[in-house]
N, C-alpha and C. Protein backbone atom coordinates (compact mmCIF):
# COMPACT_ATOMS: atom_id res chain seq x y z
N UNK A 1 94.95 95.85 76.30
CA UNK A 1 94.27 96.36 75.12
C UNK A 1 93.58 97.67 75.43
N UNK A 2 93.63 98.61 74.48
CA UNK A 2 92.94 99.88 74.65
C UNK A 2 91.44 99.68 74.39
N UNK A 3 90.65 100.71 74.74
CA UNK A 3 89.21 100.63 74.47
C UNK A 3 88.95 100.51 72.97
N UNK A 4 89.78 101.18 72.18
CA UNK A 4 89.64 101.11 70.72
C UNK A 4 89.93 99.69 70.22
N UNK A 5 90.99 99.06 70.81
CA UNK A 5 91.31 97.68 70.44
C UNK A 5 90.14 96.75 70.77
N UNK A 6 89.61 96.92 71.97
CA UNK A 6 88.49 96.08 72.40
C UNK A 6 87.29 96.25 71.48
N UNK A 7 87.02 97.50 71.10
CA UNK A 7 85.89 97.77 70.21
C UNK A 7 86.08 97.08 68.86
N UNK A 8 87.31 97.14 68.33
CA UNK A 8 87.60 96.50 67.05
C UNK A 8 87.46 94.99 67.13
N UNK A 9 87.96 94.40 68.23
CA UNK A 9 87.86 92.96 68.40
C UNK A 9 86.41 92.52 68.55
N UNK A 10 85.60 93.33 69.21
CA UNK A 10 84.19 92.98 69.39
C UNK A 10 83.47 92.90 68.04
N UNK A 11 83.89 93.74 67.08
CA UNK A 11 83.26 93.69 65.75
C UNK A 11 83.68 92.43 65.00
N UNK A 12 84.87 91.92 65.30
CA UNK A 12 85.41 90.72 64.66
C UNK A 12 84.86 89.46 65.35
N UNK A 13 84.56 89.58 66.63
CA UNK A 13 84.12 88.45 67.45
C UNK A 13 82.66 88.09 67.17
N UNK A 14 82.39 86.77 67.15
CA UNK A 14 81.01 86.33 66.95
C UNK A 14 80.44 85.62 68.18
N UNK A 15 81.27 85.37 69.18
CA UNK A 15 80.75 84.73 70.38
C UNK A 15 81.83 84.03 71.16
N UNK A 16 81.42 83.25 72.16
CA UNK A 16 82.33 82.43 72.95
C UNK A 16 81.84 80.99 72.93
N UNK A 17 82.77 80.07 73.09
CA UNK A 17 82.47 78.65 73.01
C UNK A 17 83.14 77.94 74.18
N UNK A 18 82.40 77.10 74.87
CA UNK A 18 82.94 76.28 75.96
C UNK A 18 82.88 74.82 75.52
N UNK A 19 84.02 74.12 75.59
CA UNK A 19 84.07 72.72 75.14
C UNK A 19 84.65 71.85 76.24
N UNK A 20 84.31 70.57 76.20
CA UNK A 20 84.79 69.60 77.18
C UNK A 20 86.12 68.99 76.75
N UNK A 21 86.84 68.38 77.70
CA UNK A 21 88.09 67.69 77.35
C UNK A 21 87.87 66.66 76.25
N UNK A 22 88.83 66.58 75.33
CA UNK A 22 88.74 65.64 74.23
C UNK A 22 88.01 66.15 73.01
N UNK A 23 87.46 67.36 73.09
CA UNK A 23 86.72 67.93 71.95
C UNK A 23 87.69 68.43 70.87
N UNK A 24 87.52 68.02 69.60
CA UNK A 24 88.33 68.59 68.52
C UNK A 24 87.91 70.05 68.28
N UNK A 25 88.88 70.93 68.23
CA UNK A 25 88.61 72.35 67.96
C UNK A 25 88.79 72.63 66.47
N UNK A 26 89.88 72.14 65.92
CA UNK A 26 90.17 72.26 64.49
C UNK A 26 90.70 70.92 64.00
N UNK A 27 90.36 70.55 62.77
CA UNK A 27 90.76 69.27 62.23
C UNK A 27 91.71 69.45 61.05
N UNK A 28 92.75 68.64 61.04
CA UNK A 28 93.72 68.66 59.94
C UNK A 28 92.99 68.45 58.61
N UNK A 29 93.30 69.31 57.64
CA UNK A 29 92.68 69.21 56.33
C UNK A 29 91.34 69.91 56.20
N UNK A 30 90.84 70.46 57.32
CA UNK A 30 89.53 71.10 57.30
C UNK A 30 89.65 72.56 56.89
N UNK A 31 88.54 73.10 56.45
CA UNK A 31 88.46 74.50 56.05
C UNK A 31 87.52 75.20 57.04
N UNK A 32 88.01 75.42 58.25
CA UNK A 32 87.16 75.93 59.32
C UNK A 32 86.71 77.36 59.03
N UNK A 33 85.42 77.66 59.23
CA UNK A 33 84.94 79.03 59.02
C UNK A 33 85.22 79.92 60.22
N UNK A 34 85.86 79.37 61.25
CA UNK A 34 86.06 80.13 62.48
C UNK A 34 87.53 80.14 62.90
N UNK A 35 87.89 81.20 63.60
CA UNK A 35 89.19 81.34 64.26
C UNK A 35 88.91 81.47 65.75
N UNK A 36 89.91 81.16 66.57
CA UNK A 36 89.67 81.14 68.01
C UNK A 36 90.85 81.74 68.77
N UNK A 37 90.54 82.41 69.88
CA UNK A 37 91.53 82.71 70.91
C UNK A 37 91.18 81.88 72.13
N UNK A 38 92.17 81.16 72.65
CA UNK A 38 91.92 80.35 73.84
C UNK A 38 91.97 81.26 75.07
N UNK A 39 90.86 81.35 75.77
CA UNK A 39 90.77 82.19 76.97
C UNK A 39 91.13 81.41 78.23
N UNK A 40 90.61 80.20 78.34
CA UNK A 40 90.88 79.35 79.50
C UNK A 40 91.02 77.91 79.03
N UNK A 41 91.92 77.17 79.70
CA UNK A 41 92.10 75.77 79.36
C UNK A 41 93.38 75.51 78.59
N UNK A 42 93.63 74.23 78.29
CA UNK A 42 94.83 73.83 77.57
C UNK A 42 94.51 72.69 76.62
N UNK A 43 95.37 72.53 75.61
CA UNK A 43 95.13 71.48 74.63
C UNK A 43 96.38 71.10 73.88
N UNK A 44 96.20 70.36 72.80
CA UNK A 44 97.31 69.86 71.99
C UNK A 44 97.11 70.20 70.53
N UNK A 45 98.22 70.49 69.86
CA UNK A 45 98.26 70.53 68.40
C UNK A 45 98.92 69.22 67.96
N UNK A 46 98.37 68.56 66.95
CA UNK A 46 98.96 67.29 66.52
C UNK A 46 98.61 67.02 65.06
N UNK A 47 99.37 66.07 64.49
CA UNK A 47 99.09 65.59 63.14
C UNK A 47 98.95 64.08 63.18
N UNK A 48 98.19 63.55 62.24
CA UNK A 48 98.06 62.10 62.10
C UNK A 48 98.87 61.64 60.88
N UNK A 49 99.62 60.57 61.06
CA UNK A 49 100.34 59.96 59.95
C UNK A 49 99.40 59.00 59.22
N UNK A 50 99.83 58.55 58.05
CA UNK A 50 98.97 57.67 57.25
C UNK A 50 98.71 56.34 57.94
N UNK A 51 99.63 55.94 58.83
CA UNK A 51 99.43 54.67 59.55
C UNK A 51 98.57 54.84 60.80
N UNK A 52 98.05 56.05 61.00
CA UNK A 52 97.17 56.29 62.13
C UNK A 52 97.85 56.82 63.37
N UNK A 53 99.19 56.79 63.40
CA UNK A 53 99.91 57.29 64.56
C UNK A 53 99.76 58.81 64.67
N UNK A 54 99.76 59.29 65.90
CA UNK A 54 99.61 60.73 66.15
C UNK A 54 100.95 61.34 66.56
N UNK A 55 101.26 62.50 66.01
CA UNK A 55 102.47 63.23 66.38
C UNK A 55 102.08 64.56 67.00
N UNK A 56 102.39 64.72 68.29
CA UNK A 56 102.15 66.00 68.97
C UNK A 56 103.12 67.03 68.42
N UNK A 57 102.61 68.16 67.99
CA UNK A 57 103.44 69.25 67.47
C UNK A 57 103.75 70.27 68.55
N UNK A 58 102.75 70.57 69.35
CA UNK A 58 102.91 71.63 70.35
C UNK A 58 101.75 71.56 71.34
N UNK A 59 101.93 72.24 72.44
CA UNK A 59 100.88 72.36 73.44
C UNK A 59 100.15 73.69 73.23
N UNK A 60 98.89 73.75 73.62
CA UNK A 60 98.07 74.94 73.44
C UNK A 60 97.75 75.52 74.81
N UNK A 61 98.01 76.84 74.97
CA UNK A 61 97.86 77.50 76.25
C UNK A 61 96.99 78.75 76.11
N UNK A 62 96.49 79.27 77.24
CA UNK A 62 95.68 80.49 77.19
C UNK A 62 96.40 81.62 76.46
N UNK A 63 95.66 82.32 75.61
CA UNK A 63 96.22 83.40 74.82
C UNK A 63 96.58 82.99 73.40
N UNK A 64 96.66 81.67 73.14
CA UNK A 64 97.01 81.21 71.80
C UNK A 64 95.87 81.52 70.82
N UNK A 65 96.25 81.93 69.62
CA UNK A 65 95.30 82.20 68.54
C UNK A 65 95.30 80.99 67.62
N UNK A 66 94.15 80.38 67.43
CA UNK A 66 94.03 79.10 66.74
C UNK A 66 93.29 79.26 65.42
N UNK A 67 93.83 78.62 64.38
CA UNK A 67 93.15 78.62 63.09
C UNK A 67 93.73 79.58 62.08
N UNK A 68 94.79 80.30 62.45
CA UNK A 68 95.37 81.27 61.52
C UNK A 68 95.87 80.58 60.26
N UNK A 69 96.39 79.37 60.41
CA UNK A 69 96.89 78.63 59.25
C UNK A 69 95.79 78.45 58.21
N UNK A 70 94.61 78.04 58.65
CA UNK A 70 93.49 77.88 57.71
C UNK A 70 93.03 79.23 57.19
N UNK A 71 93.13 80.26 58.06
CA UNK A 71 92.71 81.59 57.65
C UNK A 71 93.54 82.14 56.51
N UNK A 72 94.82 81.74 56.46
CA UNK A 72 95.72 82.25 55.43
C UNK A 72 95.92 81.27 54.28
N UNK A 73 95.89 79.96 54.57
CA UNK A 73 96.23 78.95 53.57
C UNK A 73 95.02 78.15 53.10
N UNK A 74 93.87 78.37 53.71
CA UNK A 74 92.66 77.69 53.25
C UNK A 74 92.28 76.47 54.06
N UNK A 75 93.27 75.64 54.45
CA UNK A 75 92.98 74.44 55.24
C UNK A 75 93.99 74.32 56.37
N UNK A 76 93.62 73.56 57.38
CA UNK A 76 94.51 73.32 58.52
C UNK A 76 95.51 72.22 58.19
N UNK A 77 96.77 72.46 58.57
CA UNK A 77 97.80 71.44 58.39
C UNK A 77 97.96 70.56 59.61
N UNK A 78 97.22 70.85 60.67
CA UNK A 78 97.26 70.03 61.88
C UNK A 78 95.92 70.15 62.60
N UNK A 79 95.72 69.32 63.60
CA UNK A 79 94.50 69.36 64.40
C UNK A 79 94.78 70.00 65.76
N UNK A 80 93.72 70.50 66.38
CA UNK A 80 93.80 71.04 67.74
C UNK A 80 92.69 70.38 68.56
N UNK A 81 93.07 69.88 69.74
CA UNK A 81 92.10 69.18 70.59
C UNK A 81 92.21 69.69 72.02
N UNK A 82 91.08 69.79 72.70
CA UNK A 82 91.06 70.24 74.09
C UNK A 82 91.54 69.12 75.01
N UNK A 83 92.50 69.44 75.88
CA UNK A 83 92.93 68.50 76.91
C UNK A 83 92.11 68.70 78.18
N UNK A 84 91.78 69.95 78.46
CA UNK A 84 90.92 70.30 79.59
C UNK A 84 89.67 70.98 79.06
N UNK A 85 88.77 71.32 79.94
CA UNK A 85 87.65 72.16 79.54
C UNK A 85 88.21 73.48 79.03
N UNK A 86 87.68 73.97 77.94
CA UNK A 86 88.19 75.18 77.30
C UNK A 86 87.09 76.23 77.14
N UNK A 87 87.49 77.48 77.27
CA UNK A 87 86.65 78.60 76.86
C UNK A 87 87.37 79.33 75.74
N UNK A 88 86.71 79.47 74.61
CA UNK A 88 87.33 80.08 73.43
C UNK A 88 86.51 81.28 72.97
N UNK A 89 87.23 82.31 72.55
CA UNK A 89 86.61 83.44 71.87
C UNK A 89 86.57 83.09 70.38
N UNK A 90 85.42 83.23 69.76
CA UNK A 90 85.22 82.78 68.38
C UNK A 90 85.14 83.97 67.44
N UNK A 91 85.90 83.88 66.33
CA UNK A 91 85.92 84.93 65.32
C UNK A 91 85.48 84.37 63.97
N UNK A 92 84.93 85.23 63.15
CA UNK A 92 84.49 84.86 61.81
C UNK A 92 85.69 84.96 60.87
N UNK A 93 86.10 83.81 60.32
CA UNK A 93 87.31 83.79 59.50
C UNK A 93 87.21 84.68 58.27
N UNK A 94 86.03 84.77 57.68
CA UNK A 94 85.91 85.54 56.43
C UNK A 94 86.09 87.04 56.67
N UNK A 95 86.06 87.46 57.95
CA UNK A 95 86.28 88.86 58.27
C UNK A 95 87.74 89.17 58.59
N UNK A 96 88.62 88.15 58.49
CA UNK A 96 90.01 88.34 58.90
C UNK A 96 90.69 89.46 58.13
N UNK A 97 90.56 89.45 56.80
CA UNK A 97 91.27 90.46 56.00
C UNK A 97 90.72 91.85 56.25
N UNK A 98 89.42 91.95 56.40
CA UNK A 98 88.82 93.26 56.70
C UNK A 98 89.31 93.77 58.05
N UNK A 99 89.45 92.86 58.99
CA UNK A 99 89.93 93.22 60.32
C UNK A 99 91.36 93.73 60.26
N UNK A 100 92.22 93.04 59.51
CA UNK A 100 93.62 93.45 59.40
C UNK A 100 93.74 94.79 58.68
N UNK A 101 92.96 94.98 57.61
CA UNK A 101 93.02 96.25 56.89
C UNK A 101 92.53 97.41 57.75
N UNK A 102 91.54 97.14 58.58
CA UNK A 102 90.99 98.20 59.44
C UNK A 102 91.90 98.51 60.62
N UNK A 103 92.72 97.53 61.02
CA UNK A 103 93.58 97.71 62.20
C UNK A 103 94.93 97.05 61.94
N UNK A 104 95.81 97.71 61.16
CA UNK A 104 97.11 97.12 60.80
C UNK A 104 97.95 96.74 62.02
N UNK A 105 97.83 97.49 63.10
CA UNK A 105 98.62 97.17 64.29
C UNK A 105 98.24 95.79 64.84
N UNK A 106 96.95 95.49 64.86
CA UNK A 106 96.52 94.17 65.31
C UNK A 106 96.95 93.10 64.30
N UNK A 107 97.00 93.47 63.03
CA UNK A 107 97.51 92.55 62.03
C UNK A 107 98.97 92.21 62.29
N UNK A 108 99.75 93.23 62.69
CA UNK A 108 101.15 92.98 63.04
C UNK A 108 101.25 92.03 64.23
N UNK A 109 100.35 92.19 65.19
CA UNK A 109 100.37 91.31 66.36
C UNK A 109 100.06 89.86 65.97
N UNK A 110 99.18 89.69 64.98
CA UNK A 110 98.93 88.35 64.46
C UNK A 110 100.20 87.76 63.86
N UNK A 111 100.92 88.58 63.08
CA UNK A 111 102.17 88.12 62.49
C UNK A 111 103.19 87.79 63.57
N UNK A 112 103.21 88.58 64.65
CA UNK A 112 104.13 88.34 65.76
C UNK A 112 103.84 86.99 66.41
N UNK A 113 102.56 86.70 66.63
CA UNK A 113 102.19 85.42 67.22
C UNK A 113 102.61 84.26 66.31
N UNK A 114 102.43 84.42 65.00
CA UNK A 114 102.83 83.37 64.06
C UNK A 114 104.34 83.18 64.07
N UNK A 115 105.10 84.28 64.17
CA UNK A 115 106.55 84.20 64.21
C UNK A 115 107.04 83.50 65.48
N UNK A 116 106.39 83.78 66.60
CA UNK A 116 106.75 83.13 67.86
C UNK A 116 106.52 81.62 67.76
N UNK A 117 105.40 81.24 67.16
CA UNK A 117 105.10 79.82 66.98
C UNK A 117 106.14 79.16 66.09
N UNK A 118 106.53 79.83 65.01
CA UNK A 118 107.54 79.29 64.11
C UNK A 118 108.87 79.14 64.83
N UNK A 119 109.23 80.13 65.65
CA UNK A 119 110.48 80.07 66.41
C UNK A 119 110.47 78.88 67.36
N UNK A 120 109.35 78.67 68.04
CA UNK A 120 109.25 77.55 68.98
C UNK A 120 109.40 76.21 68.25
N UNK A 121 108.77 76.09 67.08
CA UNK A 121 108.88 74.85 66.32
C UNK A 121 110.32 74.62 65.86
N UNK A 122 111.04 75.70 65.54
CA UNK A 122 112.45 75.57 65.18
C UNK A 122 113.27 75.07 66.36
N UNK A 123 113.00 75.62 67.54
CA UNK A 123 113.68 75.14 68.75
C UNK A 123 113.34 73.68 69.02
N UNK A 124 112.08 73.31 68.79
CA UNK A 124 111.66 71.93 69.03
C UNK A 124 112.40 70.97 68.11
N UNK A 125 112.56 71.35 66.84
CA UNK A 125 113.28 70.50 65.90
C UNK A 125 114.74 70.34 66.32
N UNK A 126 115.35 71.43 66.78
CA UNK A 126 116.72 71.36 67.29
C UNK A 126 116.79 70.43 68.48
N UNK A 127 115.80 70.50 69.34
CA UNK A 127 115.76 69.65 70.53
C UNK A 127 115.69 68.18 70.16
N UNK A 128 114.79 67.85 69.24
CA UNK A 128 114.64 66.46 68.82
C UNK A 128 115.93 65.94 68.19
N UNK A 129 116.61 66.81 67.43
CA UNK A 129 117.79 66.37 66.71
C UNK A 129 119.08 66.38 67.50
N UNK A 130 119.23 67.30 68.46
CA UNK A 130 120.53 67.51 69.07
C UNK A 130 120.59 67.37 70.60
N UNK A 131 119.51 67.63 71.31
CA UNK A 131 119.57 67.56 72.76
C UNK A 131 119.37 66.12 73.24
N UNK A 132 120.03 65.78 74.36
CA UNK A 132 119.79 64.50 74.99
C UNK A 132 118.39 64.51 75.62
N UNK A 133 117.95 63.35 76.09
CA UNK A 133 116.63 63.28 76.73
C UNK A 133 116.56 64.21 77.93
N UNK A 134 117.61 64.22 78.76
CA UNK A 134 117.62 65.08 79.94
C UNK A 134 117.58 66.55 79.53
N UNK A 135 118.38 66.91 78.53
CA UNK A 135 118.40 68.29 78.05
C UNK A 135 117.05 68.66 77.43
N UNK A 136 116.46 67.73 76.68
CA UNK A 136 115.19 68.01 75.99
C UNK A 136 114.06 68.30 76.97
N UNK A 137 113.94 67.46 77.99
CA UNK A 137 112.83 67.63 78.92
C UNK A 137 113.04 68.85 79.79
N UNK A 138 114.29 69.11 80.19
CA UNK A 138 114.58 70.34 80.94
C UNK A 138 114.25 71.56 80.09
N UNK A 139 114.66 71.53 78.82
CA UNK A 139 114.36 72.65 77.90
C UNK A 139 112.85 72.86 77.79
N UNK A 140 112.11 71.77 77.62
CA UNK A 140 110.66 71.89 77.44
C UNK A 140 109.99 72.53 78.64
N UNK A 141 110.35 72.09 79.84
CA UNK A 141 109.72 72.65 81.04
C UNK A 141 110.07 74.13 81.21
N UNK A 142 111.30 74.51 80.88
CA UNK A 142 111.69 75.92 80.97
C UNK A 142 110.89 76.76 79.98
N UNK A 143 110.82 76.31 78.73
CA UNK A 143 110.12 77.09 77.70
C UNK A 143 108.63 77.22 78.03
N UNK A 144 108.03 76.15 78.50
CA UNK A 144 106.60 76.21 78.83
C UNK A 144 106.37 77.10 80.04
N UNK A 145 107.24 76.99 81.04
CA UNK A 145 107.09 77.85 82.22
C UNK A 145 107.18 79.32 81.82
N UNK A 146 108.16 79.67 80.98
CA UNK A 146 108.30 81.06 80.54
C UNK A 146 107.11 81.49 79.69
N UNK A 147 106.60 80.56 78.87
CA UNK A 147 105.41 80.87 78.06
C UNK A 147 104.22 81.19 78.96
N UNK A 148 104.01 80.40 79.99
CA UNK A 148 102.89 80.64 80.89
C UNK A 148 103.11 81.88 81.74
N UNK A 149 104.36 82.15 82.06
CA UNK A 149 104.67 83.37 82.80
C UNK A 149 104.33 84.60 81.96
N UNK A 150 104.60 84.52 80.65
CA UNK A 150 104.31 85.64 79.76
C UNK A 150 102.82 85.91 79.67
N UNK A 151 102.01 84.88 79.83
CA UNK A 151 100.56 85.06 79.79
C UNK A 151 99.97 85.13 81.19
N UNK A 152 100.87 85.24 82.17
CA UNK A 152 100.49 85.41 83.58
C UNK A 152 99.64 84.25 84.09
N UNK A 153 99.97 83.03 83.65
CA UNK A 153 99.23 81.86 84.11
C UNK A 153 100.11 80.88 84.88
N UNK A 154 101.34 81.29 85.22
CA UNK A 154 102.16 80.53 86.16
C UNK A 154 102.36 81.40 87.39
N UNK A 155 102.34 80.78 88.57
CA UNK A 155 102.37 81.54 89.82
C UNK A 155 103.44 80.98 90.74
N UNK A 156 104.40 81.84 91.10
CA UNK A 156 105.41 81.50 92.11
C UNK A 156 106.05 80.14 91.87
N UNK A 157 106.47 79.91 90.63
CA UNK A 157 107.18 78.67 90.32
C UNK A 157 106.30 77.48 90.05
N UNK A 158 104.99 77.66 90.09
CA UNK A 158 104.06 76.55 89.83
C UNK A 158 103.28 76.82 88.55
N UNK A 159 103.20 75.80 87.72
CA UNK A 159 102.42 75.92 86.49
C UNK A 159 101.48 74.73 86.36
N UNK A 160 100.30 74.99 85.83
CA UNK A 160 99.37 73.90 85.56
C UNK A 160 99.83 73.17 84.31
N UNK A 161 99.83 71.83 84.40
CA UNK A 161 100.29 71.02 83.27
C UNK A 161 99.46 69.74 83.24
N UNK A 162 98.29 69.79 82.59
CA UNK A 162 97.36 68.67 82.63
C UNK A 162 97.63 67.59 81.58
N UNK A 163 98.85 67.56 81.08
CA UNK A 163 99.18 66.62 80.01
C UNK A 163 99.81 65.34 80.57
N UNK A 164 99.84 64.32 79.74
CA UNK A 164 100.42 63.03 80.14
C UNK A 164 101.88 62.96 79.73
N UNK A 165 102.62 62.08 80.41
CA UNK A 165 104.01 61.88 80.02
C UNK A 165 104.10 61.38 78.58
N UNK A 166 103.07 60.67 78.13
CA UNK A 166 103.07 60.20 76.75
C UNK A 166 103.04 61.38 75.77
N UNK A 167 102.36 62.46 76.12
CA UNK A 167 102.33 63.65 75.27
C UNK A 167 103.72 64.28 75.18
N UNK A 168 104.42 64.32 76.32
CA UNK A 168 105.79 64.85 76.33
C UNK A 168 106.69 63.98 75.46
N UNK A 169 106.58 62.66 75.66
CA UNK A 169 107.40 61.73 74.88
C UNK A 169 107.16 61.91 73.39
N UNK A 170 105.91 62.03 73.01
CA UNK A 170 105.55 62.19 71.60
C UNK A 170 106.11 63.48 71.04
N UNK A 171 105.95 64.57 71.79
CA UNK A 171 106.40 65.88 71.32
C UNK A 171 107.91 65.94 71.16
N UNK A 172 108.64 65.19 71.99
CA UNK A 172 110.10 65.26 71.98
C UNK A 172 110.76 64.09 71.27
N UNK A 173 109.97 63.18 70.72
CA UNK A 173 110.54 62.04 70.01
C UNK A 173 111.23 61.05 70.91
N UNK A 174 110.72 60.88 72.13
CA UNK A 174 111.31 59.96 73.10
C UNK A 174 110.35 58.81 73.37
N UNK A 175 110.88 57.71 73.91
CA UNK A 175 110.00 56.64 74.35
C UNK A 175 109.37 57.03 75.68
N UNK A 176 108.22 56.43 75.97
CA UNK A 176 107.54 56.73 77.23
C UNK A 176 108.40 56.31 78.42
N UNK A 177 109.06 55.15 78.32
CA UNK A 177 109.92 54.67 79.41
C UNK A 177 111.07 55.64 79.66
N UNK A 178 111.70 56.09 78.59
CA UNK A 178 112.83 57.03 78.72
C UNK A 178 112.36 58.35 79.32
N UNK A 179 111.20 58.80 78.89
CA UNK A 179 110.64 60.05 79.42
C UNK A 179 110.37 59.93 80.91
N UNK A 180 109.76 58.83 81.32
CA UNK A 180 109.45 58.61 82.73
C UNK A 180 110.72 58.59 83.58
N UNK A 181 111.74 57.90 83.11
CA UNK A 181 113.00 57.82 83.87
C UNK A 181 113.67 59.19 83.95
N UNK A 182 113.62 59.94 82.86
CA UNK A 182 114.28 61.24 82.83
C UNK A 182 113.59 62.24 83.74
N UNK A 183 112.27 62.25 83.74
CA UNK A 183 111.54 63.12 84.67
C UNK A 183 111.86 62.73 86.11
N UNK A 184 112.01 61.42 86.34
CA UNK A 184 112.40 60.95 87.67
C UNK A 184 113.75 61.49 88.10
N UNK A 185 114.69 61.60 87.15
CA UNK A 185 116.01 62.15 87.46
C UNK A 185 115.90 63.62 87.87
N UNK A 186 115.12 64.39 87.12
CA UNK A 186 114.94 65.81 87.44
C UNK A 186 114.27 65.98 88.80
N UNK A 187 113.34 65.11 89.12
CA UNK A 187 112.68 65.17 90.43
C UNK A 187 113.64 64.78 91.54
N UNK A 188 114.47 63.75 91.30
CA UNK A 188 115.42 63.31 92.33
C UNK A 188 116.48 64.35 92.61
N UNK A 189 116.77 65.19 91.62
CA UNK A 189 117.73 66.29 91.82
C UNK A 189 117.06 67.51 92.42
N UNK A 190 115.79 67.39 92.74
CA UNK A 190 115.00 68.46 93.35
C UNK A 190 114.96 69.72 92.48
N UNK A 191 114.87 69.49 91.18
CA UNK A 191 114.75 70.60 90.23
C UNK A 191 113.28 70.91 89.94
N UNK A 192 112.44 69.89 90.07
CA UNK A 192 111.00 70.10 89.86
C UNK A 192 110.21 69.05 90.62
N UNK A 193 108.93 69.34 90.80
CA UNK A 193 107.99 68.38 91.37
C UNK A 193 106.77 68.31 90.48
N UNK A 194 106.07 67.19 90.52
CA UNK A 194 104.88 67.00 89.69
C UNK A 194 103.79 66.40 90.56
N UNK A 195 102.78 67.19 90.86
CA UNK A 195 101.67 66.75 91.70
C UNK A 195 100.36 66.95 90.96
N UNK A 196 99.72 65.85 90.59
CA UNK A 196 98.46 65.96 89.85
C UNK A 196 98.66 66.70 88.54
N UNK A 197 97.95 67.80 88.37
CA UNK A 197 98.07 68.61 87.15
C UNK A 197 98.96 69.82 87.33
N UNK A 198 99.75 69.84 88.39
CA UNK A 198 100.64 70.98 88.67
C UNK A 198 102.10 70.55 88.67
N UNK A 199 102.93 71.38 88.06
CA UNK A 199 104.38 71.17 88.11
C UNK A 199 104.99 72.33 88.88
N UNK A 200 105.84 71.98 89.84
CA UNK A 200 106.55 72.99 90.63
C UNK A 200 107.99 73.06 90.13
N UNK A 201 108.42 74.25 89.75
CA UNK A 201 109.79 74.47 89.31
C UNK A 201 110.59 74.98 90.50
N UNK A 202 111.54 74.17 90.98
CA UNK A 202 112.31 74.52 92.16
C UNK A 202 113.59 75.29 91.84
N UNK A 203 114.17 75.01 90.67
CA UNK A 203 115.43 75.68 90.30
C UNK A 203 115.42 75.93 88.79
N UNK A 204 114.84 77.06 88.41
CA UNK A 204 114.70 77.39 86.99
C UNK A 204 116.05 77.61 86.33
N UNK A 205 116.98 78.24 87.05
CA UNK A 205 118.31 78.49 86.48
C UNK A 205 119.01 77.18 86.14
N UNK A 206 118.95 76.23 87.04
CA UNK A 206 119.61 74.95 86.81
C UNK A 206 118.94 74.19 85.67
N UNK A 207 117.62 74.23 85.63
CA UNK A 207 116.91 73.58 84.53
C UNK A 207 117.31 74.18 83.19
N UNK A 208 117.42 75.51 83.14
CA UNK A 208 117.81 76.19 81.91
C UNK A 208 119.23 75.79 81.50
N UNK A 209 120.11 75.66 82.49
CA UNK A 209 121.48 75.25 82.21
C UNK A 209 121.52 73.84 81.63
N UNK A 210 120.77 72.94 82.22
CA UNK A 210 120.71 71.58 81.70
C UNK A 210 120.10 71.56 80.30
N UNK A 211 119.07 72.37 80.09
CA UNK A 211 118.37 72.39 78.81
C UNK A 211 119.06 73.20 77.73
N UNK A 212 120.23 73.76 78.04
CA UNK A 212 121.00 74.55 77.07
C UNK A 212 120.17 75.70 76.50
N UNK A 213 119.49 76.40 77.40
CA UNK A 213 118.66 77.52 76.98
C UNK A 213 118.85 78.69 77.93
N UNK A 214 118.30 79.83 77.60
CA UNK A 214 118.48 81.04 78.39
C UNK A 214 117.17 81.42 79.07
N UNK A 215 117.28 82.37 80.00
CA UNK A 215 116.11 82.82 80.75
C UNK A 215 115.81 84.29 80.47
N UNK A 216 115.80 84.65 79.20
CA UNK A 216 115.44 86.02 78.84
C UNK A 216 114.02 86.29 79.31
N UNK A 217 113.79 87.52 79.79
CA UNK A 217 112.45 87.88 80.26
C UNK A 217 111.44 87.67 79.14
N UNK A 218 110.38 86.92 79.41
CA UNK A 218 109.37 86.67 78.37
C UNK A 218 108.62 87.94 78.01
N UNK A 219 108.37 88.11 76.71
CA UNK A 219 107.59 89.26 76.27
C UNK A 219 106.11 88.98 76.49
N UNK A 220 105.39 90.02 76.92
CA UNK A 220 103.96 89.86 77.12
C UNK A 220 103.28 89.64 75.77
N UNK A 221 102.56 88.55 75.65
CA UNK A 221 101.92 88.19 74.39
C UNK A 221 100.67 89.02 74.17
N UNK A 222 100.47 89.51 72.95
CA UNK A 222 99.20 90.20 72.66
C UNK A 222 98.05 89.20 72.67
N UNK A 223 96.90 89.64 73.12
CA UNK A 223 95.70 88.80 73.14
C UNK A 223 94.77 89.26 72.04
N UNK A 224 94.43 88.35 71.16
CA UNK A 224 93.53 88.69 70.05
C UNK A 224 92.08 88.56 70.51
């Protein structure tokens, strides 16, 4: 970001917020007065069904801009919750339009972030409908690794992944047992390792081949 960009963002920014794991950031159906950029930490986007079941929509990583849906449509269509301790940059939602009018280039970057999210959700739907469990999980690890690489938060084939296998199963429409067995297959083939909250990618090319996806260089994401 240029000094001018930073100055503009500072006028839009109202502060920073640190939250503990399990803290709701945004609630489905709410009309949040705030927007957020995630600076540190990770979380989940999810929806609740009428029977109380939760559906994970996506994972939340550093650099993600949260709350744009409510900023444009009035209410949130999903919830966001912290999986780890989070540090968030907080913006005043009512200043969003003034901010975009004053800095159209940053407005375009907001649209770019929304388009990337839409593209990922389209890929996710294709995965749930057409990829096998092995292909789905390989695809997911490749896409997340490239996403973290784009935000410079993966290092030498290792990425932090503080989520549970149940979250993966939920996001991909798989059973927990099937997910566990499939991850075991990838580990036995020495394609990846999983130690605590870290995943080691040993053969990204092979994972991409299994996941029926490509390894195009990730574009550097703008930070709001």
